[in-house]
Amino acid sequence: MKSPVELTEAFRAAGLKVTPQRQLIFRLMHDNETHPTADSLFATASDLMPGISLRTVYQTLTDLASMGEIRMIDVGTGAGRFDPNTDDHHHVVCEGCGEVRDVYVEGSDALSVRGLDGFTVSRTAILFNGTCSRCDRVAGG
């Protein structure tokens, strides 16, 4: 993801309004490895800037995604999550606490897949589910 300054310039170049609220969201998403939901990002932003609206958070995330600066991902935990890492990667999700982390799978573009029947694949997304070490320790594993 571009730096907050670069995102400000990109928004202006795209004719999008740049506000202090949007600049806060740029800063909160930059190098964010937690894969936040819009609601969790809103909670953090509200602590830092009381009065920011959930609509502003959603609209800014939607704009960032449409510009290719972040990706909206579905990891099967209910709410969509937002990922500033646009490199080719996949995800692992803890079934205990819901933590989402980036993982890298070598050769995923060369997988042999049966049953596509004329379907053209544009992107591969692999999702690993399991238990993180923190939850495993709590469970006595």
C-alpha atoms as a PDB file:
ATOM      1  CA  MET A   1       0.000   0.000   0.000  1.00  0.00           C
ATOM      2  CA  LYS A   2       1.210   3.475  -0.770  1.00  0.00           C
ATOM      3  CA  SER A   3       2.148   5.817   2.042  1.00  0.00           C
ATOM      4  CA  PRO A   4      -0.546   8.127   3.449  1.00  0.00           C
ATOM      5  CA  VAL A   5       1.025  11.053   1.553  1.00  0.00           C
ATOM      6  CA  GLU A   6       0.955   9.084  -1.718  1.00  0.00           C
ATOM      7  CA  LEU A   7      -2.661   8.064  -1.097  1.00  0.00           C
ATOM      8  CA  THR A   8      -3.592  11.694  -0.527  1.00  0.00           C
ATOM      9  CA  GLU A   9      -2.049  12.566  -3.890  1.00  0.00           C
ATOM     10  CA  ALA A  10      -3.748   9.584  -5.594  1.00  0.00           C
ATOM     11  CA  PHE A  11      -7.165  10.568  -4.197  1.00  0.00           C
ATOM     12  CA  ARG A  12      -6.742  14.133  -5.405  1.00  0.00           C
ATOM     13  CA  ALA A  13      -5.587  12.932  -8.837  1.00  0.00           C
ATOM     14  CA  ALA A  14      -8.711  10.750  -9.029  1.00  0.00           C
ATOM     15  CA  GLY A  15     -10.886  13.734  -8.163  1.00  0.00           C
ATOM     16  CA  LEU A  16     -11.780  12.367  -4.734  1.00  0.00           C
ATOM     17  CA  LYS A  17     -12.115  14.647  -1.754  1.00  0.00           C
ATOM     18  CA  VAL A  18      -9.323  14.411   0.829  1.00  0.00           C
ATOM     19  CA  THR A  19     -10.431  15.126   4.389  1.00  0.00           C
ATOM     20  CA  PRO A  20      -8.720  14.754   7.763  1.00  0.00           C
ATOM     21  CA  GLN A  21     -10.960  11.715   8.362  1.00  0.00           C
ATOM     22  CA  ARG A  22      -9.761  10.031   5.163  1.00  0.00           C
ATOM     23  CA  GLN A  23      -6.154  10.868   5.969  1.00  0.00           C
ATOM     24  CA  LEU A  24      -6.613   9.180   9.356  1.00  0.00           C
ATOM     25  CA  ILE A  25      -7.911   6.049   7.627  1.00  0.00           C
ATOM     26  CA  PHE A  26      -4.908   6.133   5.264  1.00  0.00           C
ATOM     27  CA  ARG A  27      -2.603   6.194   8.307  1.00  0.00           C
ATOM     28  CA  LEU A  28      -4.504   3.436  10.118  1.00  0.00           C
ATOM     29  CA  MET A  29      -4.409   1.135   7.086  1.00  0.00           C
ATOM     30  CA  HIS A  30      -0.767   1.769   6.166  1.00  0.00           C
ATOM     31  CA  ASP A  31       1.277  -1.332   7.063  1.00  0.00           C
ATOM     32  CA  ASN A  32      -1.705  -2.689   9.028  1.00  0.00           C
ATOM     33  CA  GLU A  33      -1.275  -6.455   9.294  1.00  0.00           C
ATOM     34  CA  THR A  34      -4.445  -7.147  11.316  1.00  0.00           C
ATOM     35  CA  HIS A  35      -6.810  -7.323   8.322  1.00  0.00           C
ATOM     36  CA  PRO A  36      -9.357  -5.076  10.067  1.00  0.00           C
ATOM     37  CA  THR A  37     -13.065  -5.037   9.434  1.00  0.00           C
ATOM     38  CA  ALA A  38     -14.654  -1.668   8.690  1.00  0.00           C
ATOM     39  CA  ASP A  39     -16.242  -1.767  12.151  1.00  0.00           C
ATOM     40  CA  SER A  40     -12.953  -2.403  13.962  1.00  0.00           C
ATOM     41  CA  LEU A  41     -11.249   0.317  11.939  1.00  0.00           C
ATOM     42  CA  PHE A  42     -14.145   2.651  12.777  1.00  0.00           C
ATOM     43  CA  ALA A  43     -13.704   1.917  16.504  1.00  0.00           C
ATOM     44  CA  THR A  44      -9.997   2.753  16.338  1.00  0.00           C
ATOM     45  CA  ALA A  45     -10.612   5.859  14.227  1.00  0.00           C
ATOM     46  CA  SER A  46     -13.369   7.028  16.618  1.00  0.00           C
ATOM     47  CA  ASP A  47     -10.954   6.850  19.549  1.00  0.00           C
ATOM     48  CA  LEU A  48      -8.521   9.075  17.651  1.00  0.00           C
ATOM     49  CA  MET A  49     -11.080  11.351  15.980  1.00  0.00           C
ATOM     50  CA  PRO A  50     -14.432  11.409  17.784  1.00  0.00           C
ATOM     51  CA  GLY A  51     -17.255  12.152  15.384  1.00  0.00           C
ATOM     52  CA  ILE A  52     -15.858  10.294  12.374  1.00  0.00           C
ATOM     53  CA  SER A  53     -18.716   8.457  10.694  1.00  0.00           C
ATOM     54  CA  LEU A  54     -18.920   4.776   9.871  1.00  0.00           C
ATOM     55  CA  ARG A  55     -20.075   5.823   6.396  1.00  0.00           C
ATOM     56  CA  THR A  56     -16.798   7.731   5.870  1.00  0.00           C
ATOM     57  CA  VAL A  57     -14.813   4.671   6.911  1.00  0.00           C
ATOM     58  CA  TYR A  58     -16.762   2.389   4.546  1.00  0.00           C
ATOM     59  CA  GLN A  59     -16.594   4.863   1.646  1.00  0.00           C
ATOM     60  CA  THR A  60     -12.859   5.416   2.073  1.00  0.00           C
ATOM     61  CA  LEU A  61     -12.189   1.665   2.222  1.00  0.00           C
ATOM     62  CA  THR A  62     -14.378   1.140  -0.853  1.00  0.00           C
ATOM     63  CA  ASP A  63     -12.513   3.871  -2.716  1.00  0.00           C
ATOM     64  CA  LEU A  64      -9.132   2.420  -1.711  1.00  0.00           C
ATOM     65  CA  ALA A  65     -10.235  -1.025  -2.894  1.00  0.00           C
ATOM     66  CA  SER A  66     -11.543   0.274  -6.227  1.00  0.00           C
ATOM     67  CA  MET A  67      -8.202   2.048  -6.752  1.00  0.00           C
ATOM     68  CA  GLY A  68      -6.356  -1.236  -6.084  1.00  0.00           C
ATOM     69  CA  GLU A  69      -4.648   0.111  -2.964  1.00  0.00           C
ATOM     70  CA  ILE A  70      -6.213  -2.482  -0.642  1.00  0.00           C
ATOM     71  CA  ARG A  71      -8.164  -5.698  -1.095  1.00  0.00           C
ATOM     72  CA  MET A  72     -11.427  -6.669   0.505  1.00  0.00           C
ATOM     73  CA  ILE A  73     -11.154 -10.288   1.602  1.00  0.00           C
ATOM     74  CA  ASP A  74     -13.673 -12.802   2.867  1.00  0.00           C
ATOM     75  CA  VAL A  75     -12.122 -15.233   5.312  1.00  0.00           C
ATOM     76  CA  GLY A  76     -15.399 -16.800   6.390  1.00  0.00           C
ATOM     77  CA  THR A  77     -15.664 -14.966   9.706  1.00  0.00           C
ATOM     78  CA  GLY A  78     -18.715 -12.893   8.817  1.00  0.00           C
ATOM     79  CA  ALA A  79     -17.644  -9.337   8.093  1.00  0.00           C
ATOM     80  CA  GLY A  80     -15.350  -8.577   5.178  1.00  0.00           C
ATOM     81  CA  ARG A  81     -11.806  -7.632   6.049  1.00  0.00           C
ATOM     82  CA  PHE A  82      -9.463  -5.180   4.408  1.00  0.00           C
ATOM     83  CA  ASP A  83      -5.893  -6.000   3.483  1.00  0.00           C
ATOM     84  CA  PRO A  84      -3.336  -3.341   2.490  1.00  0.00           C
ATOM     85  CA  ASN A  85      -0.959  -6.047   1.266  1.00  0.00           C
ATOM     86  CA  THR A  86      -1.717  -6.302  -2.449  1.00  0.00           C
ATOM     87  CA  ASP A  87       1.205  -8.656  -3.133  1.00  0.00           C
ATOM     88  CA  ASP A  88       0.375 -12.201  -4.249  1.00  0.00           C
ATOM     89  CA  HIS A  89      -0.363 -13.962  -0.973  1.00  0.00           C
ATOM     90  CA  HIS A  90      -2.951 -16.028   0.882  1.00  0.00           C
ATOM     91  CA  HIS A  91      -4.351 -16.148   4.424  1.00  0.00           C
ATOM     92  CA  VAL A  92      -4.523 -18.280   7.545  1.00  0.00           C
ATOM     93  CA  VAL A  93      -7.406 -17.797   9.984  1.00  0.00           C
ATOM     94  CA  CYS A  94      -7.503 -18.888  13.620  1.00  0.00           C
ATOM     95  CA  GLU A  95     -10.787 -20.622  14.406  1.00  0.00           C
ATOM     96  CA  GLY A  96     -10.393 -19.635  18.065  1.00  0.00           C
ATOM     97  CA  CYS A  97      -9.749 -15.889  18.092  1.00  0.00           C
ATOM     98  CA  GLY A  98     -10.336 -14.976  14.440  1.00  0.00           C
ATOM     99  CA  GLU A  99      -6.806 -13.669  13.855  1.00  0.00           C
ATOM    100  CA  VAL A 100      -5.948 -13.420  10.162  1.00  0.00           C
ATOM    101  CA  ARG A 101      -2.369 -13.531   8.901  1.00  0.00           C
ATOM    102  CA  ASP A 102      -0.728 -13.393   5.517  1.00  0.00           C
ATOM    103  CA  VAL A 103       0.949 -16.547   4.225  1.00  0.00           C
ATOM    104  CA  TYR A 104       2.847 -17.139   1.025  1.00  0.00           C
ATOM    105  CA  VAL A 105       2.310 -20.283  -1.025  1.00  0.00           C
ATOM    106  CA  GLU A 106       4.860 -21.057  -3.673  1.00  0.00           C
ATOM    107  CA  GLY A 107       3.489 -22.536  -6.884  1.00  0.00           C
ATOM    108  CA  SER A 108      -0.169 -21.694  -6.262  1.00  0.00           C
ATOM    109  CA  ASP A 109      -0.426 -20.340  -9.800  1.00  0.00           C
ATOM    110  CA  ALA A 110       0.618 -23.745 -11.139  1.00  0.00           C
ATOM    111  CA  LEU A 111      -1.992 -25.826  -9.294  1.00  0.00           C
ATOM    112  CA  SER A 112      -3.721 -28.467 -11.350  1.00  0.00           C
ATOM    113  CA  VAL A 113      -7.454 -27.971 -10.887  1.00  0.00           C
ATOM    114  CA  ARG A 114     -10.150 -30.316 -12.191  1.00  0.00           C
ATOM    115  CA  GLY A 115     -13.764 -29.335 -12.775  1.00  0.00           C
ATOM    116  CA  LEU A 116     -13.343 -25.766 -14.014  1.00  0.00           C
ATOM    117  CA  ASP A 117     -15.230 -26.679 -17.209  1.00  0.00           C
ATOM    118  CA  GLY A 118     -14.426 -23.538 -19.202  1.00  0.00           C
ATOM    119  CA  PHE A 119     -14.302 -21.237 -16.195  1.00  0.00           C
ATOM    120  CA  THR A 120     -11.497 -18.682 -16.539  1.00  0.00           C
ATOM    121  CA  VAL A 121      -9.660 -18.120 -13.255  1.00  0.00           C
ATOM    122  CA  SER A 122      -8.483 -14.555 -12.673  1.00  0.00           C
ATOM    123  CA  ARG A 123      -7.015 -14.956  -9.186  1.00  0.00           C
ATOM    124  CA  THR A 124      -6.275 -17.780  -6.778  1.00  0.00           C
ATOM    125  CA  ALA A 125      -7.091 -17.393  -3.080  1.00  0.00           C
ATOM    126  CA  ILE A 126      -6.088 -20.101  -0.638  1.00  0.00           C
ATOM    127  CA  LEU A 127      -7.453 -19.967   2.898  1.00  0.00           C
ATOM    128  CA  PHE A 128      -5.971 -22.042   5.698  1.00  0.00           C
ATOM    129  CA  ASN A 129      -8.054 -22.535   8.854  1.00  0.00           C
ATOM    130  CA  GLY A 130      -6.683 -23.743  12.155  1.00  0.00           C
ATOM    131  CA  THR A 131      -5.633 -22.628  15.609  1.00  0.00           C
ATOM    132  CA  CYS A 132      -2.956 -20.031  16.353  1.00  0.00           C
ATOM    133  CA  SER A 133      -0.290 -20.801  18.940  1.00  0.00           C
ATOM    134  CA  ARG A 134      -1.867 -18.422  21.474  1.00  0.00           C
ATOM    135  CA  CYS A 135      -5.263 -20.171  21.304  1.00  0.00           C
ATOM    136  CA  ASP A 136      -3.569 -23.570  21.294  1.00  0.00           C
ATOM    137  CA  ARG A 137      -1.781 -22.708  24.575  1.00  0.00           C
ATOM    138  CA  VAL A 138      -5.037 -21.473  26.147  1.00  0.00           C
ATOM    139  CA  ALA A 139      -6.773 -24.708  25.146  1.00  0.00           C
ATOM    140  CA  GLY A 140      -3.960 -26.691  26.720  1.00  0.00           C
ATOM    141  CA  GLY A 141      -2.507 -27.938  23.434  1.00  0.00           C
END
